[in-house]
Amino acid sequence: MSLRSGDEIQEALRSFIGRWGNYAGTERSEAQTFLNELFAAYGADRKQVARFEDPQGSGGIVDCLYPGVAIIEMKRPGEADRLAGHRAQALDYWHHSDDPVAGLAAARFVVLCAFQRFEVWEPGRFPSAPLDSFDLAELPDRYEALYFLADEEPLFLAHRRRLTTDAAAVVGRLYERRSGRASPDEISQIRYFVLQLVWCLFAESLGLLGGDPVEQIVEALIADPRRSSAAELGHLFSVLATTDQSARGGLYHGAPYVNGGLFASPARVHLDPDELALVVEAARFDWRDVDPTIFGSLMEGCLGEQRRFELGAHYTHEIDILRIVRPSIIEPWTERIAAAGTPAEMVAILDELCALQVLDPACGCGNFLYVAYREIRRLEHDAKTRVAELAASTGLPGPETLPSYAISHLHGIEVDEFTAMIARVTLWMGHKLVTDAYGAVEPVLPLVDLSGIVVGDALRVEWPAADVIIGNPPFHGSQHLRQALGDDYVEWLKVDFRTFSAEGRHGLIFILRAV
């Protein structure tokens, strides 16, 4: 099985759709070819992992059985709108997909497919409805739902991705319109205004900012054009930056002290009526379902394409992030938690976990750090549950208090100041979402100090001590290094990192040697 990135899978699936998008034939004639090519798009050889036409104890024959993983039941394209009528058959096959003699559990997933339409079930956990359903044309954007074909954990992110993309698109239009009529000196202020506004919308949806002041202020601004958002939204941002209670009257009565660096310099930006309408549109989203891993990357679009090229920045799929976080953090700690035999042993492991220092030396908008934090908090939750289980099963006492993981144990280095602030906002949003999922271990407000996200060139600054280093370093094609970084920087790389280099028709090639 070849390990493919999210981008590579999506590209392969687009080609797959090009071959099958108009197929209207029978199930029998092409189902196996279809499935062979579907597995191949995920980098898997179907012949090595799954078998066709597997007999079941119920007397039926499963079109494709991936033992212990998935059953795939195919129907002709004409049944795409009638898959509900075939669910009973597919789920009956699932009931007979185990093999107790061989110690093989029932398939975890059931896929019902009519070429142009998919349903994905996990009947052992969710027997009443599919986890996801989508058309073939949507598969490149929903590819994580079938990720078990690559022997990886699937993700069902469709709703969150769609909402996040839509919300970010509105915010992006707001930025483009306002920056389009701004002087160069105003651009930085507008960027920070957008980040401060986004956090407020998120905080309103999650109950951190009571009374929906952004919506109320903007609706009043629309009703009375003589009023200015620079003054009124700017005042809201300044209230969030101070502990002074005398500033919290009327509409601002429930405004918390936020701080955390985000509102240290309240942005004061005037918006015209069209721009105010975009704020209203953005406020209507339920920001509780916004995915920070996606939103941070989309917000990075405010840098503009040329600036992203200069930084070597690019979006990393969560699937690909987990390929780094899973073996470096999730799997080793999961194994240690499962192996603990006494409460004291489990507490010692938990102490180590909660002291874990994580570094992304090219952190971008914080995606890797957010996923790492979310997964460490999940491991912490599992470890605390394990302490209680061991205390109950062994009769040995557990401690009255247990350690917890602090988000300040995350460290990042980012060369661009604005992107570093996006990373902090990503982590602040994630802090609240993870707290809601796994419980509070430190206050969400005031925003925690994330000074561990520093601005600098990771090749030129000292790295903080870390137990785990994760990330996806910025990339420039060899032909673009001098254009992107400049001659002086490239020459410095050669000297300071003692590289062997060669330049020719294909650009500049570096082989880094240990310093």
Protein backbone atom coordinates (compact mmCIF):
# COMPACT_ATOMS: atom_id res chain seq x y z
CA MET A 1 0.00 0.00 0.00
CA SER A 2 1.48 3.37 -1.01
CA LEU A 3 1.14 6.24 1.44
CA ARG A 4 -0.69 9.07 -0.31
CA SER A 5 -1.26 12.60 0.91
CA GLY A 6 -4.71 14.19 0.96
CA ASP A 7 -3.88 16.20 -2.15
CA GLU A 8 -2.74 13.07 -3.98
CA ILE A 9 -5.91 11.19 -3.05
CA GLN A 10 -8.09 14.08 -4.18
CA GLU A 11 -6.26 14.28 -7.50
CA ALA A 12 -6.67 10.53 -8.04
CA LEU A 13 -10.37 10.73 -7.17
CA ARG A 14 -10.94 13.52 -9.69
CA SER A 15 -9.53 11.24 -12.37
CA PHE A 16 -11.69 8.43 -11.02
CA ILE A 17 -14.79 10.62 -11.37
CA GLY A 18 -13.75 11.47 -14.90
CA ARG A 19 -13.95 7.78 -15.79
CA TRP A 20 -17.13 6.92 -13.86
CA GLY A 21 -19.12 10.14 -13.67
CA ASN A 22 -21.42 9.20 -16.57
CA TYR A 23 -21.56 5.45 -16.06
CA ALA A 24 -25.13 4.18 -16.41
CA GLY A 25 -24.62 0.46 -16.97
CA THR A 26 -25.25 -2.53 -14.74
CA GLU A 27 -23.84 -3.46 -11.37
CA ARG A 28 -22.66 -6.88 -12.46
CA SER A 29 -20.58 -5.77 -15.44
CA GLU A 30 -18.42 -3.07 -13.84
CA ALA A 31 -18.72 -3.14 -10.03
CA GLN A 32 -15.42 -4.93 -9.52
CA THR A 33 -13.53 -2.64 -11.87
CA PHE A 34 -15.08 0.36 -10.12
CA LEU A 35 -14.00 -0.88 -6.69
CA ASN A 36 -10.51 -1.85 -7.81
CA GLU A 37 -9.99 1.69 -9.10
CA LEU A 38 -11.56 3.22 -5.96
CA PHE A 39 -9.14 1.35 -3.71
CA ALA A 40 -6.28 2.34 -6.00
CA ALA A 41 -7.19 6.03 -5.67
CA TYR A 42 -6.47 5.68 -1.95
CA GLY A 43 -3.15 4.00 -2.66
CA ALA A 44 -4.42 0.51 -1.80
CA ASP A 45 -4.29 -2.73 -3.77
CA ARG A 46 -7.73 -4.24 -3.37
CA LYS A 47 -6.44 -7.75 -4.08
CA GLN A 48 -4.19 -7.58 -1.02
CA VAL A 49 -6.81 -6.41 1.49
CA ALA A 50 -10.32 -7.28 0.30
CA ARG A 51 -12.13 -10.01 -1.60
CA PHE A 52 -15.09 -9.95 -3.97
CA GLU A 53 -18.32 -11.97 -3.76
CA ASP A 54 -17.80 -13.26 -0.25
CA PRO A 55 -20.49 -15.78 0.87
CA GLN A 56 -22.34 -14.86 4.07
CA GLY A 57 -23.99 -17.07 6.65
CA SER A 58 -27.33 -15.51 5.78
CA GLY A 59 -27.13 -17.06 2.33
CA GLY A 60 -26.21 -13.85 0.57
CA ILE A 61 -23.03 -12.82 -1.21
CA VAL A 62 -21.28 -9.60 -0.29
CA ASP A 63 -19.94 -7.70 -3.28
CA CYS A 64 -16.75 -6.75 -1.44
CA LEU A 65 -15.51 -7.71 2.04
CA TYR A 66 -12.53 -5.98 3.65
CA PRO A 67 -12.30 -8.32 6.67
CA GLY A 68 -12.79 -6.53 9.96
CA VAL A 69 -12.90 -3.16 8.21
CA ALA A 70 -15.70 -2.74 5.67
CA ILE A 71 -18.47 -4.32 3.65
CA ILE A 72 -19.20 -2.68 0.29
CA GLU A 73 -22.52 -3.48 -1.32
CA MET A 74 -22.88 -2.27 -4.92
CA LYS A 75 -26.09 -1.39 -6.79
CA ARG A 76 -26.62 -0.23 -10.35
CA PRO A 77 -26.54 3.55 -11.00
CA GLY A 78 -30.32 3.67 -11.40
CA GLU A 79 -30.65 2.86 -7.69
CA ALA A 80 -28.75 5.97 -6.57
CA ASP A 81 -31.96 7.66 -5.37
CA ARG A 82 -33.28 4.47 -3.76
CA LEU A 83 -30.42 3.34 -1.53
CA ALA A 84 -32.69 3.42 1.51
CA GLY A 85 -34.49 0.42 0.11
CA HIS A 86 -31.26 -1.61 0.11
CA ARG A 87 -30.09 -0.79 3.63
CA ALA A 88 -31.67 -3.83 5.27
CA GLN A 89 -29.78 -6.17 2.95
CA ALA A 90 -26.41 -4.46 3.52
CA LEU A 91 -26.88 -4.35 7.29
CA ASP A 92 -27.91 -8.01 7.33
CA TYR A 93 -24.63 -8.83 5.59
CA TRP A 94 -22.85 -6.85 8.31
CA HIS A 95 -24.49 -8.98 11.02
CA HIS A 96 -22.82 -12.04 9.47
CA SER A 97 -19.43 -10.49 8.67
CA ASP A 98 -17.65 -11.70 11.81
CA ASP A 99 -15.71 -14.93 12.19
CA PRO A 100 -15.56 -16.00 15.86
CA VAL A 101 -13.46 -19.06 15.07
CA ALA A 102 -10.78 -16.95 13.41
CA GLY A 103 -11.15 -14.24 16.05
CA LEU A 104 -12.26 -11.71 13.42
CA ALA A 105 -14.71 -9.03 14.48
CA ALA A 106 -17.53 -7.83 12.24
CA ALA A 107 -16.63 -5.19 9.69
CA ARG A 108 -16.66 -1.78 11.29
CA PHE A 109 -18.07 0.07 8.28
CA VAL A 110 -20.74 -0.63 5.68
CA VAL A 111 -20.69 1.20 2.34
CA LEU A 112 -23.79 1.14 0.17
CA CYS A 113 -22.89 2.38 -3.30
CA ALA A 114 -24.78 2.84 -6.56
CA PHE A 115 -21.79 4.20 -8.52
CA GLN A 116 -23.11 7.75 -8.44
CA ARG A 117 -24.11 7.75 -4.75
CA PHE A 118 -22.52 6.57 -1.48
CA GLU A 119 -23.79 5.89 2.02
CA VAL A 120 -21.28 5.17 4.80
CA TRP A 121 -22.47 3.40 7.95
CA GLU A 122 -20.89 2.39 11.22
CA PRO A 123 -23.71 0.13 12.41
CA GLY A 124 -21.98 -1.08 15.56
CA ARG A 125 -22.07 2.45 16.97
CA PHE A 126 -24.67 4.30 14.89
CA PRO A 127 -27.26 1.78 13.62
CA SER A 128 -30.08 4.25 12.94
CA ALA A 129 -28.58 6.43 10.20
CA PRO A 130 -25.54 6.66 7.92
CA LEU A 131 -22.57 8.67 9.13
CA ASP A 132 -22.32 10.31 5.73
CA SER A 133 -23.92 10.22 2.30
CA PHE A 134 -22.73 11.96 -0.84
CA ASP A 135 -22.68 11.89 -4.62
CA LEU A 136 -19.70 10.61 -6.58
CA ALA A 137 -18.97 14.18 -7.72
CA GLU A 138 -18.51 15.20 -4.07
CA LEU A 139 -16.04 12.43 -3.26
CA PRO A 140 -12.82 14.49 -3.61
CA ASP A 141 -14.15 16.88 -0.94
CA ARG A 142 -15.45 14.02 1.23
CA TYR A 143 -12.58 11.59 0.70
CA GLU A 144 -11.87 11.26 4.45
CA ALA A 145 -15.17 9.38 4.86
CA LEU A 146 -13.70 6.41 2.95
CA TYR A 147 -10.21 6.72 4.38
CA PHE A 148 -10.48 3.22 5.86
CA LEU A 149 -9.79 2.01 2.29
CA ALA A 150 -6.23 3.18 2.96
CA ASP A 151 -6.22 1.39 6.34
CA GLU A 152 -6.51 4.71 8.14
CA GLU A 153 -9.08 6.19 10.51
CA PRO A 154 -11.84 7.98 8.55
CA LEU A 155 -13.04 11.48 9.37
CA PHE A 156 -16.56 12.75 8.88
CA LEU A 157 -16.06 16.46 8.50
CA ALA A 158 -18.47 17.42 5.74
CA HIS A 159 -20.78 19.68 7.75
CA ARG A 160 -17.98 21.40 9.64
CA ARG A 161 -15.89 21.87 6.50
CA ARG A 162 -18.81 23.29 4.53
CA LEU A 163 -19.78 25.71 7.32
CA THR A 164 -16.16 26.70 7.91
CA THR A 165 -15.53 27.31 4.23
CA ASP A 166 -18.71 29.37 3.89
CA ALA A 167 -17.95 31.44 7.00
CA ALA A 168 -14.36 32.04 5.93
CA ALA A 169 -15.55 33.04 2.45
CA VAL A 170 -17.76 35.78 3.92
CA VAL A 171 -14.94 37.02 6.15
CA GLY A 172 -12.60 36.90 3.16
CA ARG A 173 -14.99 39.03 1.08
CA LEU A 174 -15.15 41.54 3.92
CA TYR A 175 -11.36 41.75 4.03
CA GLU A 176 -11.03 42.03 0.26
CA ARG A 177 -13.60 44.83 0.01
CA ARG A 178 -12.21 46.84 2.91
CA SER A 179 -8.56 46.37 1.99
CA GLY A 180 -9.36 47.17 -1.64
CA ARG A 181 -10.06 50.79 -0.71
CA ALA A 182 -7.33 51.11 1.90
CA SER A 183 -3.91 52.69 1.77
CA PRO A 184 -0.89 50.41 2.26
CA ASP A 185 -0.49 51.78 5.80
CA GLU A 186 -3.99 50.62 6.74
CA ILE A 187 -3.68 46.97 5.67
CA SER A 188 -2.18 45.72 8.92
CA GLN A 189 -4.92 47.42 10.95
CA ILE A 190 -7.62 45.85 8.74
CA ARG A 191 -6.11 42.38 9.15
CA TYR A 192 -6.15 42.65 12.93
CA PHE A 193 -9.67 44.07 12.80
CA VAL A 194 -10.77 40.92 10.94
CA LEU A 195 -9.15 38.62 13.54
CA GLN A 196 -10.67 40.54 16.45
CA LEU A 197 -14.08 40.44 14.77
CA VAL A 198 -13.80 36.69 14.07
CA TRP A 199 -12.99 35.92 17.69
CA CYS A 200 -16.00 37.97 18.82
CA LEU A 201 -18.34 36.09 16.48
CA PHE A 202 -16.94 32.79 17.74
CA ALA A 203 -17.28 33.96 21.35
CA GLU A 204 -20.90 35.02 20.81
CA SER A 205 -21.83 31.58 19.45
CA LEU A 206 -20.13 29.79 22.36
CA GLY A 207 -21.52 32.01 25.11
CA LEU A 208 -18.26 33.74 25.96
CA LEU A 209 -19.55 37.13 24.86
CA GLY A 210 -23.09 37.61 26.14
CA GLY A 211 -25.75 39.75 24.53
CA ASP A 212 -24.47 39.42 20.94
CA PRO A 213 -22.92 42.91 20.99
CA VAL A 214 -21.40 42.63 17.49
CA GLU A 215 -24.77 41.98 15.88
CA GLN A 216 -26.46 44.72 17.89
CA ILE A 217 -23.75 47.25 17.11
CA VAL A 218 -23.73 46.47 13.40
CA GLU A 219 -27.52 46.55 13.08
CA ALA A 220 -27.52 49.99 14.76
CA LEU A 221 -24.78 51.15 12.39
CA ILE A 222 -26.81 50.04 9.37
CA ALA A 223 -29.89 51.82 10.70
CA ASP A 224 -27.98 55.07 11.32
CA PRO A 225 -25.26 55.79 8.70
CA ARG A 226 -24.03 58.75 10.78
CA ARG A 227 -22.51 56.32 13.27
CA SER A 228 -19.09 54.74 12.66
CA SER A 229 -17.90 51.18 13.16
CA ALA A 230 -14.44 52.56 13.87
CA ALA A 231 -15.83 54.14 17.04
CA GLU A 232 -18.37 51.54 18.14
CA LEU A 233 -16.78 48.21 17.25
CA GLY A 234 -13.46 49.76 18.21
CA HIS A 235 -14.93 50.58 21.62
CA LEU A 236 -16.11 46.99 22.04
CA PHE A 237 -12.61 45.75 21.29
CA SER A 238 -11.12 48.21 23.78
CA VAL A 239 -13.56 47.05 26.50
CA LEU A 240 -12.44 43.46 25.93
CA ALA A 241 -8.85 44.60 26.51
CA THR A 242 -9.42 46.19 29.91
CA THR A 243 -10.41 45.14 33.43
CA ASP A 244 -11.95 48.58 34.03
CA GLN A 245 -15.56 47.92 35.01
CA SER A 246 -16.56 51.55 34.45
CA ALA A 247 -16.33 50.92 30.69
CA ARG A 248 -18.91 48.10 30.86
CA GLY A 249 -22.25 49.85 30.82
CA GLY A 250 -25.32 49.25 28.67
CA LEU A 251 -24.59 47.03 25.69
CA TYR A 252 -21.14 46.22 27.07
CA HIS A 253 -22.37 45.14 30.52
CA GLY A 254 -21.64 41.45 29.95
CA ALA A 255 -18.38 41.91 28.07
CA PRO A 256 -15.60 39.87 29.71
CA TYR A 257 -11.97 40.75 30.09
CA VAL A 258 -10.35 38.90 27.19
CA ASN A 259 -6.80 40.23 26.79
CA GLY A 260 -4.39 37.46 25.69
CA GLY A 261 -2.72 39.87 23.32
CA LEU A 262 -5.54 39.71 20.79
CA PHE A 263 -7.13 43.01 21.87
CA ALA A 264 -3.99 44.70 23.17
CA SER A 265 -4.30 47.11 20.23
CA PRO A 266 -8.05 47.47 19.51
CA ALA A 267 -8.52 47.87 15.75
CA ARG A 268 -10.59 50.86 14.68
CA VAL A 269 -11.78 50.47 11.09
CA HIS A 270 -14.67 52.22 9.36
CA LEU A 271 -16.95 49.96 7.28
CA ASP A 272 -19.34 51.11 4.57
CA PRO A 273 -22.92 49.70 4.36
CA ASP A 274 -21.96 46.80 2.04
CA GLU A 275 -19.20 45.79 4.42
CA LEU A 276 -21.50 46.01 7.42
CA ALA A 277 -23.91 43.71 5.61
CA LEU A 278 -21.11 41.15 5.31
CA VAL A 279 -20.54 41.33 9.07
CA VAL A 280 -24.24 40.59 9.60
CA GLU A 281 -23.97 37.64 7.21
CA ALA A 282 -20.91 36.32 9.06
CA ALA A 283 -22.67 36.67 12.41
CA ARG A 284 -25.49 34.38 11.27
CA PHE A 285 -23.19 31.33 11.12
CA ASP A 286 -23.07 28.99 14.08
CA TRP A 287 -19.41 29.45 14.91
CA ARG A 288 -19.55 26.54 17.37
CA ASP A 289 -19.20 24.22 14.37
CA VAL A 290 -16.31 26.04 12.76
CA ASP A 291 -13.24 23.80 12.47
CA PRO A 292 -10.11 25.71 13.59
CA THR A 293 -7.82 23.51 11.47
CA ILE A 294 -9.59 24.62 8.31
CA PHE A 295 -10.47 28.15 9.32
CA GLY A 296 -6.90 29.10 10.20
CA SER A 297 -5.72 28.03 6.76
CA LEU A 298 -8.52 29.92 5.04
CA MET A 299 -7.84 33.03 7.11
CA GLU A 300 -4.26 32.84 5.97
CA GLY A 301 -5.70 33.78 2.57
CA CYS A 302 -5.82 37.33 3.89
CA LEU A 303 -2.08 37.38 3.28
CA GLY A 304 -2.70 37.27 -0.45
CA GLU A 305 -1.36 34.75 -2.94
CA GLN A 306 1.99 36.45 -3.48
CA ARG A 307 2.75 36.66 0.23
CA ARG A 308 1.82 33.00 0.72
CA PHE A 309 4.20 32.11 -2.11
CA GLU A 310 7.00 34.05 -0.46
CA LEU A 311 6.41 32.20 2.82
CA GLY A 312 6.05 28.78 1.19
CA ALA A 313 2.69 28.45 2.98
CA HIS A 314 0.14 25.87 1.92
CA TYR A 315 -2.86 24.05 3.37
CA THR A 316 -2.34 20.71 5.12
CA HIS A 317 -5.27 18.30 5.31
CA GLU A 318 -6.18 17.08 8.80
CA ILE A 319 -5.68 13.53 7.53
CA ASP A 320 -2.07 14.43 6.77
CA ILE A 321 -1.65 16.22 10.11
CA LEU A 322 -2.79 13.06 11.86
CA ARG A 323 -0.20 11.06 9.94
CA ILE A 324 2.38 13.02 11.92
CA VAL A 325 0.52 13.41 15.22
CA ARG A 326 -0.69 9.80 15.39
CA PRO A 327 2.70 8.01 15.45
CA SER A 328 4.49 10.75 17.39
CA ILE A 329 1.87 11.36 20.09
CA ILE A 330 -1.35 9.36 19.88
CA GLU A 331 -0.08 5.81 19.39
CA PRO A 332 2.79 5.71 21.93
CA TRP A 333 0.73 7.30 24.68
CA THR A 334 -2.32 5.16 23.91
CA GLU A 335 -0.14 2.07 24.29
CA ARG A 336 1.29 3.28 27.59
CA ILE A 337 -2.16 4.08 28.98
CA ALA A 338 -3.47 0.64 27.99
CA ALA A 339 -0.44 -1.11 29.55
CA ALA A 340 -0.73 0.50 33.00
CA GLY A 341 -1.52 -2.04 35.71
CA THR A 342 -2.05 0.05 38.86
CA PRO A 343 -3.43 3.51 39.67
CA ALA A 344 0.05 4.69 40.72
CA GLU A 345 1.56 3.52 37.44
CA MET A 346 -1.20 5.26 35.49
CA VAL A 347 -0.73 8.50 37.45
CA ALA A 348 2.99 8.46 36.69
CA ILE A 349 2.19 8.14 32.98
CA LEU A 350 -0.36 10.95 33.26
CA ASP A 351 2.26 13.17 34.94
CA GLU A 352 4.57 12.65 31.99
CA LEU A 353 1.81 13.27 29.45
CA CYS A 354 0.75 16.51 31.11
CA ALA A 355 4.35 17.76 31.03
CA LEU A 356 4.75 17.05 27.30
CA GLN A 357 6.27 19.99 25.40
CA VAL A 358 5.31 20.15 21.71
CA LEU A 359 7.00 22.29 19.07
CA ASP A 360 6.10 23.14 15.50
CA PRO A 361 9.11 25.11 14.21
CA ALA A 362 7.22 26.33 11.13
CA CYS A 363 3.75 26.51 12.65
CA GLY A 364 1.94 28.62 10.07
CA CYS A 365 -1.64 29.16 11.20
CA GLY A 366 -1.39 26.58 13.99
CA ASN A 367 -3.13 23.56 12.46
CA PHE A 368 -0.62 20.99 13.69
CA LEU A 369 -0.52 22.48 17.17
CA TYR A 370 -4.31 22.54 17.47
CA VAL A 371 -4.67 18.90 16.43
CA ALA A 372 -1.85 17.93 18.82
CA TYR A 373 -3.54 19.80 21.67
CA ARG A 374 -6.93 18.24 20.96
CA GLU A 375 -5.45 14.75 20.89
CA ILE A 376 -3.35 15.25 24.04
CA ARG A 377 -6.43 16.45 25.92
CA ARG A 378 -8.28 13.36 24.68
CA LEU A 379 -5.42 11.17 25.90
CA GLU A 380 -5.49 13.01 29.23
CA HIS A 381 -9.21 12.27 29.51
CA ASP A 382 -8.61 8.61 28.68
CA ALA A 383 -5.79 8.41 31.22
CA LYS A 384 -7.93 9.87 34.00
CA THR A 385 -10.70 7.41 33.16
CA ARG A 386 -8.12 4.62 33.29
CA VAL A 387 -6.97 5.73 36.77
CA ALA A 388 -10.54 5.34 38.04
CA GLU A 389 -10.94 1.96 36.32
CA LEU A 390 -7.70 0.62 37.81
CA ALA A 391 -8.61 1.88 41.27
CA ALA A 392 -11.95 0.06 41.03
CA SER A 393 -10.51 -3.18 39.65
CA THR A 394 -7.47 -3.43 41.94
CA GLY A 395 -8.91 -1.96 45.11
CA LEU A 396 -5.89 0.31 45.31
CA PRO A 397 -6.52 3.99 46.05
CA GLY A 398 -6.15 6.68 43.41
CA PRO A 399 -5.04 10.25 44.16
CA GLU A 400 -7.56 12.93 45.05
CA THR A 401 -6.20 15.32 42.42
CA LEU A 402 -4.74 14.62 39.01
CA PRO A 403 -2.56 16.77 36.73
CA SER A 404 -3.90 18.41 33.58
CA TYR A 405 -2.39 19.48 30.29
CA ALA A 406 -1.83 23.22 29.80
CA ILE A 407 -2.10 24.74 26.34
CA SER A 408 1.02 26.79 27.13
CA HIS A 409 3.01 23.57 26.59
CA LEU A 410 2.56 24.19 22.86
CA HIS A 411 5.33 26.10 21.10
CA GLY A 412 5.54 27.43 17.58
CA ILE A 413 7.86 29.49 15.42
CA GLU A 414 6.42 31.45 12.51
CA VAL A 415 8.27 33.90 10.29
CA ASP A 416 5.24 36.11 9.53
CA GLU A 417 3.79 38.21 12.37
CA PHE A 418 0.19 38.17 11.14
CA THR A 419 0.23 34.41 10.53
CA ALA A 420 1.56 33.93 14.07
CA MET A 421 -1.49 35.83 15.34
CA ILE A 422 -3.76 33.60 13.24
CA ALA A 423 -2.09 30.63 14.95
CA ARG A 424 -2.87 32.10 18.36
CA VAL A 425 -6.50 32.73 17.39
CA THR A 426 -6.73 29.16 16.06
CA LEU A 427 -5.48 27.84 19.40
CA TRP A 428 -7.72 30.14 21.46
CA MET A 429 -10.74 28.92 19.50
CA GLY A 430 -9.55 25.34 19.85
CA HIS A 431 -8.99 25.80 23.59
CA LYS A 432 -12.68 26.55 24.09
CA LEU A 433 -13.87 23.72 21.83
CA VAL A 434 -11.60 21.16 23.53
CA THR A 435 -12.63 22.42 26.96
CA ASP A 436 -16.26 21.85 26.04
CA ALA A 437 -15.40 18.33 24.83
CA TYR A 438 -13.11 17.14 27.65
CA GLY A 439 -13.75 19.49 30.56
CA ALA A 440 -12.10 22.61 31.94
CA VAL A 441 -8.55 22.30 33.25
CA GLU A 442 -7.64 25.99 33.00
CA PRO A 443 -9.80 29.09 32.42
CA VAL A 444 -10.71 29.89 28.82
CA LEU A 445 -10.96 33.59 29.74
CA PRO A 446 -8.93 35.67 30.00
CA LEU A 447 -7.30 34.14 26.94
CA VAL A 448 -4.28 32.13 28.00
CA ASP A 449 -0.81 33.45 27.31
CA LEU A 450 0.38 32.00 24.00
CA SER A 451 3.72 33.78 23.93
CA GLY A 452 5.16 30.37 23.11
CA ILE A 453 4.09 31.14 19.53
CA VAL A 454 7.00 33.35 18.54
CA VAL A 455 7.76 35.34 15.41
CA GLY A 456 11.05 34.44 13.81
CA ASP A 457 12.90 32.48 11.19
CA ALA A 458 13.24 28.94 12.55
CA LEU A 459 16.62 28.64 10.84
CA ARG A 460 17.92 31.68 12.68
CA VAL A 461 16.40 31.56 16.17
CA GLU A 462 16.99 29.23 19.08
CA TRP A 463 14.34 26.53 19.40
CA PRO A 464 12.64 25.96 22.75
CA ALA A 465 13.16 22.63 24.48
CA ALA A 466 10.57 20.11 23.29
CA ASP A 467 9.70 16.46 23.73
CA VAL A 468 7.96 16.19 20.35
CA ILE A 469 8.56 18.16 17.16
CA ILE A 470 5.79 18.12 14.57
CA GLY A 471 4.85 20.12 11.50
CA ASN A 472 5.04 20.61 7.77
CA PRO A 473 7.94 22.92 6.90
CA PRO A 474 7.42 25.59 4.22
CA PHE A 475 8.27 24.41 0.75
CA HIS A 476 9.70 26.16 -2.27
CA GLY A 477 10.42 24.39 -5.52
CA SER A 478 14.12 24.39 -6.32
CA GLN A 479 13.58 26.72 -9.28
CA HIS A 480 11.98 29.35 -7.05
CA LEU A 481 14.36 29.51 -4.08
CA ARG A 482 16.30 32.56 -5.21
CA GLN A 483 13.16 34.33 -6.38
CA ALA A 484 11.38 33.69 -3.08
CA LEU A 485 14.24 34.04 -0.61
CA GLY A 486 16.79 36.22 -2.34
CA ASP A 487 20.43 35.62 -3.24
CA ASP A 488 21.79 36.64 0.17
CA TYR A 489 19.55 34.19 2.03
CA VAL A 490 20.41 31.30 -0.29
CA GLU A 491 24.12 32.02 0.09
CA TRP A 492 23.70 32.16 3.87
CA LEU A 493 22.01 28.76 3.81
CA LYS A 494 24.98 27.32 1.96
CA VAL A 495 27.45 28.65 4.51
CA ASP A 496 25.63 28.26 7.82
CA PHE A 497 24.20 24.82 7.12
CA ARG A 498 27.29 23.60 5.28
CA THR A 499 25.22 22.40 2.36
CA PHE A 500 26.25 20.91 -0.88
CA SER A 501 24.46 22.79 -3.64
CA ALA A 502 24.24 22.72 -7.37
CA GLU A 503 22.47 25.05 -9.75
CA GLY A 504 21.40 24.18 -13.24
CA ARG A 505 18.46 24.16 -15.59
CA HIS A 506 16.22 22.61 -12.92
CA GLY A 507 17.01 25.21 -10.28
CA LEU A 508 18.90 25.04 -6.99
CA ILE A 509 19.36 21.75 -5.15
CA PHE A 510 20.34 21.58 -1.47
CA ILE A 511 21.55 18.61 0.53
CA LEU A 512 21.61 19.65 4.22
CA ARG A 513 24.40 18.25 6.32
CA ALA A 514 24.38 18.06 10.10
CA VAL A 515 25.84 21.21 11.64
